[in-house]
Amino acid sequence: MAKFLIEGGHSLCGEIIPQGAKNEALEVICAILLTPGKVTISNIPDILDVNNLISLLKDMGVKVNLIKKGCYSFQADDVNLDYMETADFYRKCAALRGSVMLAGPLVSRFGKAIVPKPGGDKIGRRRLDTHFLGIQKLGAEFIYDDERKLYRVSAEQLTGAYMLLDEASVTGTANIVMASVLAKGVTTIYNAACEPYIQQLCKMLNRMGAHISGIGSNLLTIEGVESLSGCDHLILPDMIEIGSFIGMAAMTHSELTIKNVCYDQLGMIPDCFRRLGIALERKGDDIFIPKQDHYTIDTFIDGSIMTFADAPWPGLTPDLLSVFLVVATQAKGSVLIHQKMFESRLFFVDKLIDMGAQIILCDPHRATVIGLGNENQLRASKMSSPDIRAGIALLIAAMSAHGTSTISNIEQIDRGYEDIDGRLNAIGAKIMRVE
């Protein structure tokens, strides 16, 4: 188990380039199973979750070729379906939450799939009903194997259907879309997620020969086709990492330029940071954050306390609420953070309280932060990262704190952030990785 030793109090300076989007990468890499043709994907982040998925596909018989850093070609023309019955497949799927998105492509093209209970972050219950109900409506049969703790999915031929999703699940929408593209007839998905990740997946599938309309809305229509071919695809920069860097610059009083952010795909993220009092400026396709000695949280028009809550796109992504919470601890003013989706994602605040932050955990979903600005600098602490997003929030806190902090279980951070210590050290941070 590795850990970080972080010497706080150092400002960052210079430019940093965000990695490719983790969530998009997991979706589009699963989609290569839909075709025997060659699919080339660029800007793939070099992170644990993505690398584990690529390794899993190799073991399934997919031909994987590293063309250059961040660019791979995939060809699923000789998939070994028997591998799904092995203990190795079960173990690797159970350790990777994104593996659930293999179900849609596999049952769509090959007529069967096996879905072990997936792992991932420890952030509370993350149900799979949306995935399963949607694929069932296309005609697939799910049988639970109680002895092996997995689902067996089968279908002779998927058939298009109308469905109203019970929640706008991003991975659920992706799974159902991938199952639908080879189904017979027309599939209509209402209350579909419409995040940039889903838009990118749909655009890639259309280049492969799929017929998907309504991209960017919550109503997707998919006309099934007989087969798909290969294509080239470029992954967007990771908006969660971009938001993390904005918060990091504010907390460390740094002047920082985030390069090539695809600004028009960031939705309301920049404006939400502005409401936290953080100055940021768009320069072409870059974001410039000037050095600020202090920042003040805005209020609503009637003077009431500012609230940040997660919501389906174009609302604020839940993956950034941990960053907003930690950044608010060093602002002037108060804010309510309302994490609606996951009931355990705010439980890392006890670590921030130990560092001197003024936070009231109202319940599993809500926390009130009383920001005291520079009057109450955080102090160093020993912590453990419970999940990817809390991990980066704790790293931001440690970088702004007085003294040297320790963060253990950093494999959680490595799952979502590529070479984060090396990239931050290059612009002024003092982070040591200890194996």
Protein backbone atom coordinates (compact mmCIF):
# COMPACT_ATOMS: atom_id res chain seq x y z
CA MET A 1 0.00 0.00 0.00
CA ALA A 2 1.42 3.36 -1.03
CA LYS A 3 0.95 6.72 0.64
CA PHE A 4 1.57 10.41 -0.04
CA LEU A 5 3.60 12.73 2.17
CA ILE A 6 2.44 16.27 1.37
CA GLU A 7 4.31 19.35 2.54
CA GLY A 8 1.65 22.03 2.63
CA GLY A 9 1.85 25.74 2.05
CA HIS A 10 3.45 25.75 -1.41
CA SER A 11 1.85 27.74 -4.23
CA LEU A 12 1.59 26.34 -7.74
CA CYS A 13 2.66 28.27 -10.82
CA GLY A 14 2.57 27.54 -14.53
CA GLU A 15 0.46 25.39 -16.83
CA ILE A 16 -1.12 21.98 -16.47
CA ILE A 17 -2.91 19.84 -19.06
CA PRO A 18 -5.89 17.75 -17.89
CA GLN A 19 -5.96 14.04 -18.63
CA GLY A 20 -8.58 12.35 -20.77
CA ALA A 21 -11.96 11.85 -19.12
CA LYS A 22 -12.00 8.72 -16.96
CA ASN A 23 -15.77 8.20 -17.15
CA GLU A 24 -15.86 8.58 -20.93
CA ALA A 25 -12.88 6.26 -21.37
CA LEU A 26 -14.59 3.42 -19.49
CA GLU A 27 -17.70 3.74 -21.67
CA VAL A 28 -16.06 3.97 -25.10
CA ILE A 29 -13.56 1.20 -24.34
CA CYS A 30 -16.45 -1.15 -23.45
CA ALA A 31 -18.10 -0.17 -26.75
CA ILE A 32 -15.29 -1.73 -28.80
CA LEU A 33 -16.90 -5.13 -28.09
CA LEU A 34 -19.78 -4.15 -30.42
CA THR A 35 -17.71 -4.59 -33.59
CA PRO A 36 -15.10 -6.95 -35.04
CA GLY A 37 -13.53 -3.88 -36.71
CA LYS A 38 -10.55 -1.93 -35.41
CA VAL A 39 -11.34 0.97 -33.08
CA THR A 40 -8.62 3.52 -32.28
CA ILE A 41 -9.11 5.68 -29.18
CA SER A 42 -6.88 8.63 -28.28
CA ASN A 43 -6.37 10.63 -25.06
CA ILE A 44 -6.93 7.57 -22.85
CA PRO A 45 -5.83 8.39 -19.29
CA ASP A 46 -3.13 6.19 -17.75
CA ILE A 47 -5.04 5.38 -14.54
CA LEU A 48 -5.79 2.19 -12.64
CA ASP A 49 -9.49 1.81 -13.49
CA VAL A 50 -8.89 2.26 -17.22
CA ASN A 51 -5.77 0.09 -17.28
CA ASN A 52 -7.63 -2.68 -15.44
CA LEU A 53 -10.45 -2.57 -18.00
CA ILE A 54 -7.95 -2.77 -20.88
CA SER A 55 -6.23 -5.71 -19.17
CA LEU A 56 -9.60 -7.44 -18.76
CA LEU A 57 -10.37 -7.01 -22.47
CA LYS A 58 -6.97 -8.46 -23.39
CA ASP A 59 -7.75 -11.52 -21.28
CA MET A 60 -11.05 -11.86 -23.17
CA GLY A 61 -9.13 -12.13 -26.42
CA VAL A 62 -9.41 -8.53 -27.64
CA LYS A 63 -6.36 -7.46 -29.66
CA VAL A 64 -4.97 -4.37 -27.93
CA ASN A 65 -2.14 -2.32 -29.39
CA LEU A 66 -0.50 0.68 -27.73
CA ILE A 67 0.17 3.07 -30.62
CA LYS A 68 1.64 5.87 -28.49
CA LYS A 69 1.06 7.27 -25.02
CA GLY A 70 -2.68 7.58 -24.48
CA CYS A 71 -3.58 6.05 -27.87
CA TYR A 72 -4.68 2.43 -28.29
CA SER A 73 -6.24 0.35 -31.03
CA PHE A 74 -8.72 -2.39 -30.12
CA GLN A 75 -10.06 -5.24 -32.25
CA ALA A 76 -12.64 -7.63 -30.82
CA ASP A 77 -12.76 -10.07 -33.75
CA ASP A 78 -11.96 -13.19 -31.71
CA VAL A 79 -13.50 -12.80 -28.26
CA ASN A 80 -13.18 -15.77 -25.91
CA LEU A 81 -16.61 -15.96 -24.29
CA ASP A 82 -15.58 -18.97 -22.19
CA TYR A 83 -13.26 -16.67 -20.24
CA MET A 84 -16.35 -15.18 -18.59
CA GLU A 85 -16.78 -18.46 -16.66
CA THR A 86 -13.35 -18.22 -15.03
CA ALA A 87 -12.50 -17.12 -11.52
CA ASP A 88 -10.05 -14.61 -12.99
CA PHE A 89 -12.84 -12.84 -14.90
CA TYR A 90 -14.98 -12.73 -11.76
CA ARG A 91 -12.14 -11.31 -9.67
CA LYS A 92 -11.24 -8.57 -12.14
CA CYS A 93 -14.85 -7.53 -12.76
CA ALA A 94 -15.62 -7.48 -9.05
CA ALA A 95 -12.75 -5.03 -8.51
CA LEU A 96 -13.85 -2.61 -11.25
CA ARG A 97 -17.21 -0.86 -11.16
CA GLY A 98 -17.00 0.08 -14.85
CA SER A 99 -17.06 -3.61 -15.76
CA VAL A 100 -20.87 -3.56 -15.51
CA MET A 101 -20.86 -1.71 -18.86
CA LEU A 102 -19.56 -4.86 -20.56
CA ALA A 103 -23.04 -6.37 -20.21
CA GLY A 104 -24.74 -4.24 -22.88
CA PRO A 105 -22.19 -4.81 -25.65
CA LEU A 106 -21.77 -8.52 -24.87
CA VAL A 107 -25.46 -9.44 -24.81
CA SER A 108 -26.11 -7.23 -27.85
CA ARG A 109 -23.45 -8.79 -30.07
CA PHE A 110 -22.95 -12.26 -28.61
CA GLY A 111 -26.28 -12.96 -26.91
CA LYS A 112 -24.89 -13.53 -23.44
CA ALA A 113 -23.00 -11.82 -20.63
CA ILE A 114 -21.99 -12.48 -17.04
CA VAL A 115 -22.13 -9.65 -14.51
CA PRO A 116 -20.37 -10.16 -11.16
CA LYS A 117 -21.26 -7.67 -8.48
CA PRO A 118 -18.92 -4.77 -9.33
CA GLY A 119 -16.60 -3.02 -6.91
CA GLY A 120 -15.23 0.53 -6.90
CA ASP A 121 -15.69 3.39 -4.44
CA LYS A 122 -16.98 2.93 -0.90
CA ILE A 123 -19.58 5.68 -1.17
CA GLY A 124 -22.74 3.85 -0.24
CA ARG A 125 -25.30 1.85 -2.17
CA ARG A 126 -25.01 2.14 -5.96
CA ARG A 127 -27.82 0.11 -7.40
CA LEU A 128 -27.82 -1.46 -10.87
CA ASP A 129 -31.59 -1.51 -11.39
CA THR A 130 -31.49 1.04 -14.21
CA HIS A 131 -28.96 -1.06 -16.15
CA PHE A 132 -30.81 -4.32 -15.69
CA LEU A 133 -34.38 -3.06 -16.20
CA GLY A 134 -33.41 -1.30 -19.42
CA ILE A 135 -31.64 -4.31 -20.91
CA GLN A 136 -34.52 -6.56 -19.79
CA LYS A 137 -36.98 -4.35 -21.69
CA LEU A 138 -34.96 -5.10 -24.81
CA GLY A 139 -35.69 -8.80 -24.27
CA ALA A 140 -32.75 -10.05 -22.24
CA GLU A 141 -33.21 -12.54 -19.41
CA PHE A 142 -31.36 -12.05 -16.11
CA ILE A 143 -30.78 -15.06 -13.85
CA TYR A 144 -29.00 -14.60 -10.53
CA ASP A 145 -26.46 -17.29 -9.64
CA ASP A 146 -26.62 -17.25 -5.85
CA GLU A 147 -23.72 -19.69 -5.47
CA ARG A 148 -21.27 -17.56 -7.49
CA LYS A 149 -22.90 -14.19 -6.67
CA LEU A 150 -23.29 -13.08 -10.28
CA TYR A 151 -25.93 -12.42 -12.93
CA ARG A 152 -26.20 -14.41 -16.13
CA VAL A 153 -27.69 -12.40 -18.99
CA SER A 154 -28.92 -13.99 -22.22
CA ALA A 155 -30.97 -13.11 -25.30
CA GLU A 156 -31.39 -14.72 -28.70
CA GLN A 157 -32.27 -11.36 -30.26
CA LEU A 158 -32.72 -8.01 -28.55
CA THR A 159 -35.71 -6.01 -29.74
CA GLY A 160 -36.17 -2.26 -29.58
CA ALA A 161 -38.55 -0.87 -26.96
CA TYR A 162 -39.74 2.34 -25.30
CA MET A 163 -38.45 2.90 -21.79
CA LEU A 164 -38.62 5.61 -19.16
CA LEU A 165 -35.56 5.29 -16.94
CA ASP A 166 -36.21 5.44 -13.21
CA GLU A 167 -33.11 7.62 -12.83
CA ALA A 168 -30.86 9.46 -15.28
CA SER A 169 -27.96 7.11 -14.62
CA VAL A 170 -24.89 7.85 -16.75
CA THR A 171 -23.51 4.31 -16.79
CA GLY A 172 -27.03 2.88 -16.99
CA THR A 173 -27.80 5.01 -20.05
CA ALA A 174 -24.47 4.01 -21.63
CA ASN A 175 -25.15 0.31 -21.04
CA ILE A 176 -28.66 0.48 -22.50
CA VAL A 177 -27.52 2.51 -25.53
CA MET A 178 -24.79 -0.04 -26.28
CA ALA A 179 -27.31 -2.87 -25.95
CA SER A 180 -29.76 -1.06 -28.25
CA VAL A 181 -27.58 -0.26 -31.26
CA LEU A 182 -27.69 -3.85 -32.59
CA ALA A 183 -31.25 -4.57 -31.43
CA LYS A 184 -34.02 -5.17 -33.96
CA GLY A 185 -36.26 -2.13 -34.38
CA VAL A 186 -36.36 1.23 -32.63
CA THR A 187 -35.46 1.91 -29.00
CA THR A 188 -36.59 5.10 -27.28
CA ILE A 189 -34.91 6.05 -23.99
CA TYR A 190 -36.61 8.83 -22.01
CA ASN A 191 -34.97 10.40 -18.95
CA ALA A 192 -31.64 9.39 -20.44
CA ALA A 193 -28.48 10.90 -19.00
CA CYS A 194 -27.05 13.52 -21.34
CA GLU A 195 -23.61 14.22 -19.83
CA PRO A 196 -20.76 14.94 -22.28
CA TYR A 197 -19.60 11.34 -21.66
CA ILE A 198 -22.88 10.00 -23.09
CA GLN A 199 -22.78 12.46 -25.98
CA GLN A 200 -19.27 11.31 -26.83
CA LEU A 201 -20.27 7.64 -26.68
CA CYS A 202 -23.25 8.21 -28.98
CA LYS A 203 -21.16 10.18 -31.48
CA MET A 204 -18.58 7.40 -31.53
CA LEU A 205 -21.26 4.74 -32.08
CA ASN A 206 -22.73 6.78 -34.94
CA ARG A 207 -19.30 6.89 -36.60
CA MET A 208 -19.28 3.10 -36.25
CA GLY A 209 -22.57 2.94 -38.17
CA ALA A 210 -25.22 3.24 -35.44
CA HIS A 211 -28.31 5.44 -35.88
CA ILE A 212 -28.73 7.47 -32.68
CA SER A 213 -30.65 10.74 -32.58
CA GLY A 214 -31.43 13.17 -29.77
CA ILE A 215 -27.79 13.35 -28.65
CA GLY A 216 -27.39 15.97 -25.93
CA SER A 217 -31.02 15.66 -24.78
CA ASN A 218 -32.75 13.36 -22.32
CA LEU A 219 -34.67 11.62 -25.11
CA LEU A 220 -32.57 9.25 -27.20
CA THR A 221 -33.86 7.31 -30.20
CA ILE A 222 -31.83 4.37 -31.49
CA GLU A 223 -32.63 2.61 -34.75
CA GLY A 224 -31.04 -0.82 -34.61
CA VAL A 225 -28.55 -1.83 -37.29
CA GLU A 226 -27.22 -5.21 -38.42
CA SER A 227 -23.57 -4.55 -37.59
CA LEU A 228 -21.04 -1.89 -36.67
CA SER A 229 -17.57 -1.16 -38.04
CA GLY A 230 -14.42 0.40 -36.62
CA CYS A 231 -13.69 4.10 -36.14
CA ASP A 232 -11.34 6.62 -34.56
CA HIS A 233 -12.32 8.45 -31.39
CA LEU A 234 -10.82 11.28 -29.30
CA ILE A 235 -11.71 11.42 -25.57
CA LEU A 236 -12.57 14.80 -24.03
CA PRO A 237 -10.43 16.27 -21.24
CA ASP A 238 -11.61 15.22 -17.78
CA MET A 239 -13.95 17.91 -16.41
CA ILE A 240 -13.62 16.48 -12.89
CA GLU A 241 -9.85 16.91 -13.00
CA ILE A 242 -10.29 20.42 -14.42
CA GLY A 243 -12.57 21.30 -11.50
CA SER A 244 -10.06 19.76 -9.08
CA PHE A 245 -7.30 21.98 -10.48
CA ILE A 246 -9.48 25.10 -10.16
CA GLY A 247 -10.11 24.31 -6.49
CA MET A 248 -6.45 23.46 -5.95
CA ALA A 249 -5.32 26.82 -7.36
CA ALA A 250 -7.71 28.71 -5.07
CA MET A 251 -6.78 26.76 -1.93
CA THR A 252 -3.02 27.20 -2.47
CA HIS A 253 -3.26 30.89 -3.54
CA SER A 254 -1.75 29.98 -6.90
CA GLU A 255 -1.66 31.46 -10.38
CA LEU A 256 -2.42 28.59 -12.71
CA THR A 257 -3.40 28.03 -16.35
CA ILE A 258 -5.32 24.86 -17.20
CA LYS A 259 -4.74 24.11 -20.88
CA ASN A 260 -7.08 22.73 -23.54
CA VAL A 261 -10.14 22.24 -21.36
CA CYS A 262 -12.88 22.06 -24.06
CA TYR A 263 -14.55 24.93 -22.21
CA ASP A 264 -17.90 24.63 -23.98
CA GLN A 265 -18.29 21.09 -22.59
CA LEU A 266 -17.83 22.15 -18.93
CA GLY A 267 -21.44 23.23 -18.42
CA MET A 268 -22.02 25.18 -15.22
CA ILE A 269 -18.78 24.10 -13.51
CA PRO A 270 -16.90 27.40 -14.08
CA ASP A 271 -19.85 29.50 -12.89
CA CYS A 272 -20.28 27.38 -9.76
CA PHE A 273 -16.64 28.01 -8.83
CA ARG A 274 -17.23 31.72 -9.43
CA ARG A 275 -20.09 31.55 -6.90
CA LEU A 276 -17.56 30.22 -4.42
CA GLY A 277 -15.69 33.49 -5.00
CA ILE A 278 -12.95 32.05 -7.20
CA ALA A 279 -11.81 34.30 -10.03
CA LEU A 280 -11.22 32.46 -13.27
CA GLU A 281 -10.96 33.64 -16.83
CA ARG A 282 -11.47 31.90 -20.15
CA LYS A 283 -8.59 32.44 -22.55
CA GLY A 284 -9.39 30.69 -25.81
CA ASP A 285 -9.79 27.08 -24.73
CA ASP A 286 -7.76 27.55 -21.54
CA ILE A 287 -8.78 28.57 -18.01
CA PHE A 288 -6.60 31.09 -16.18
CA ILE A 289 -6.89 31.34 -12.38
CA PRO A 290 -5.11 34.38 -10.91
CA LYS A 291 -3.51 34.33 -7.46
CA GLN A 292 -6.09 35.21 -4.79
CA ASP A 293 -5.27 35.87 -1.16
CA HIS A 294 -8.90 35.30 -0.23
CA TYR A 295 -12.23 34.46 -1.83
CA THR A 296 -15.78 35.05 -0.59
CA ILE A 297 -18.74 32.72 -1.09
CA ASP A 298 -21.69 34.34 -2.84
CA THR A 299 -25.23 34.27 -1.47
CA PHE A 300 -28.54 33.87 -3.23
CA ILE A 301 -30.29 37.07 -4.35
CA ASP A 302 -32.39 37.20 -1.17
CA GLY A 303 -29.28 36.90 0.98
CA SER A 304 -29.84 33.28 1.99
CA ILE A 305 -26.96 30.81 2.30
CA MET A 306 -25.50 29.45 -0.92
CA THR A 307 -26.29 25.80 -1.67
CA PHE A 308 -24.50 23.48 -4.06
CA ALA A 309 -26.33 20.28 -4.93
CA ASP A 310 -25.67 17.59 -7.51
CA ALA A 311 -28.15 17.12 -10.35
CA PRO A 312 -28.38 15.38 -13.72
CA TRP A 313 -26.56 17.20 -16.51
CA PRO A 314 -26.51 20.10 -17.17
CA GLY A 315 -26.70 20.32 -13.38
CA LEU A 316 -23.59 20.11 -11.22
CA THR A 317 -21.86 16.72 -11.34
CA PRO A 318 -21.75 14.86 -7.99
CA ASP A 319 -18.10 14.00 -8.61
CA LEU A 320 -17.08 17.60 -7.85
CA LEU A 321 -18.99 18.18 -4.62
CA SER A 322 -16.10 16.84 -2.51
CA VAL A 323 -13.84 19.46 -4.11
CA PHE A 324 -16.40 22.24 -3.55
CA LEU A 325 -16.68 21.24 0.09
CA VAL A 326 -12.96 21.35 0.80
CA VAL A 327 -12.46 24.62 -1.11
CA ALA A 328 -15.25 26.24 0.91
CA THR A 329 -13.38 25.57 4.16
CA GLN A 330 -10.88 28.32 3.31
CA ALA A 331 -13.39 30.79 1.84
CA LYS A 332 -15.15 33.61 3.64
CA GLY A 333 -18.81 32.80 4.20
CA SER A 334 -20.97 29.72 4.56
CA VAL A 335 -22.35 27.15 2.15
CA LEU A 336 -24.55 24.05 2.26
CA ILE A 337 -23.26 21.06 0.27
CA HIS A 338 -26.09 18.67 -0.63
CA GLN A 339 -24.92 15.35 -2.03
CA LYS A 340 -28.16 13.74 -3.16
CA MET A 341 -26.91 10.69 -5.00
CA PHE A 342 -24.57 8.82 -2.63
CA GLU A 343 -25.28 8.46 1.06
CA SER A 344 -21.67 7.89 2.19
CA ARG A 345 -19.76 10.33 0.04
CA LEU A 346 -19.63 13.09 2.68
CA PHE A 347 -18.29 10.89 5.46
CA PHE A 348 -14.72 12.02 4.73
CA VAL A 349 -15.50 15.40 6.35
CA ASP A 350 -14.38 14.09 9.75
CA LYS A 351 -10.84 14.17 8.36
CA LEU A 352 -11.26 17.83 7.40
CA ILE A 353 -12.68 18.60 10.85
CA ASP A 354 -9.53 17.04 12.37
CA MET A 355 -7.55 19.49 10.21
CA GLY A 356 -9.43 22.43 11.74
CA ALA A 357 -12.22 22.92 9.22
CA GLN A 358 -15.55 24.26 10.48
CA ILE A 359 -18.07 21.75 9.11
CA ILE A 360 -21.40 20.49 10.41
CA LEU A 361 -22.41 17.12 8.97
CA CYS A 362 -26.19 17.51 9.01
CA ASP A 363 -26.96 13.98 7.79
CA PRO A 364 -25.43 11.49 5.30
CA HIS A 365 -26.32 13.78 2.39
CA ARG A 366 -25.76 17.34 3.68
CA ALA A 367 -22.90 19.28 5.21
CA THR A 368 -22.71 22.96 6.17
CA VAL A 369 -19.29 24.58 5.80
CA ILE A 370 -18.45 27.74 7.72
CA GLY A 371 -15.54 29.31 5.89
CA LEU A 372 -13.25 31.49 7.99
CA GLY A 373 -10.85 32.41 5.22
CA ASN A 374 -7.18 32.80 6.06
CA GLU A 375 -8.00 33.21 9.76
CA ASN A 376 -8.18 29.43 10.13
CA GLN A 377 -5.53 27.71 8.02
CA LEU A 378 -5.89 23.95 7.99
CA ARG A 379 -3.33 21.94 9.93
CA ALA A 380 -1.54 18.83 8.75
CA SER A 381 -3.02 15.43 9.50
CA LYS A 382 -2.80 11.70 8.82
CA MET A 383 -5.64 10.50 6.59
CA SER A 384 -6.80 7.62 4.40
CA SER A 385 -8.52 8.05 1.05
CA PRO A 386 -11.96 6.35 1.04
CA ASP A 387 -12.73 6.96 -2.65
CA ILE A 388 -11.40 8.72 -5.75
CA ARG A 389 -13.10 12.09 -5.29
CA ALA A 390 -12.66 12.33 -1.53
CA GLY A 391 -9.03 11.39 -2.13
CA ILE A 392 -8.34 14.36 -4.39
CA ALA A 393 -10.23 16.64 -1.97
CA LEU A 394 -8.00 15.48 0.89
CA LEU A 395 -4.94 16.02 -1.29
CA ILE A 396 -6.08 19.60 -1.97
CA ALA A 397 -6.61 20.15 1.75
CA ALA A 398 -3.15 18.79 2.57
CA MET A 399 -1.51 21.02 -0.06
CA SER A 400 -3.00 24.10 1.63
CA ALA A 401 -2.39 22.98 5.22
CA HIS A 402 0.37 24.02 7.60
CA GLY A 403 2.86 21.18 8.02
CA THR A 404 3.29 17.76 6.44
CA SER A 405 0.27 15.51 5.94
CA THR A 406 0.07 11.80 5.17
CA ILE A 407 -2.58 10.26 2.92
CA SER A 408 -2.68 6.45 2.79
CA ASN A 409 -4.68 4.18 0.47
CA ILE A 410 -3.70 6.42 -2.45
CA GLU A 411 -4.53 3.60 -4.86
CA GLN A 412 -8.01 5.15 -4.71
CA ILE A 413 -6.59 8.42 -6.06
CA ASP A 414 -4.54 6.57 -8.69
CA ARG A 415 -7.75 4.97 -9.95
CA GLY A 416 -8.87 8.34 -11.30
CA TYR A 417 -5.89 10.71 -11.57
CA GLU A 418 -2.91 10.06 -13.82
CA ASP A 419 0.54 10.61 -12.24
CA ILE A 420 -1.04 13.28 -10.03
CA ASP A 421 2.01 13.69 -7.78
CA GLY A 422 4.45 14.01 -10.68
CA ARG A 423 2.31 16.50 -12.57
CA LEU A 424 1.68 18.68 -9.50
CA ASN A 425 5.31 18.56 -8.35
CA ALA A 426 6.30 19.89 -11.78
CA ILE A 427 4.39 23.13 -11.04
CA GLY A 428 5.46 23.66 -7.44
CA ALA A 429 3.80 21.09 -5.17
CA LYS A 430 5.77 19.06 -2.63
CA ILE A 431 4.31 15.56 -2.72
CA MET A 432 6.34 12.42 -2.01
CA ARG A 433 5.05 8.96 -2.93
CA VAL A 434 6.15 6.31 -0.43
CA GLU A 435 5.64 2.67 -1.40
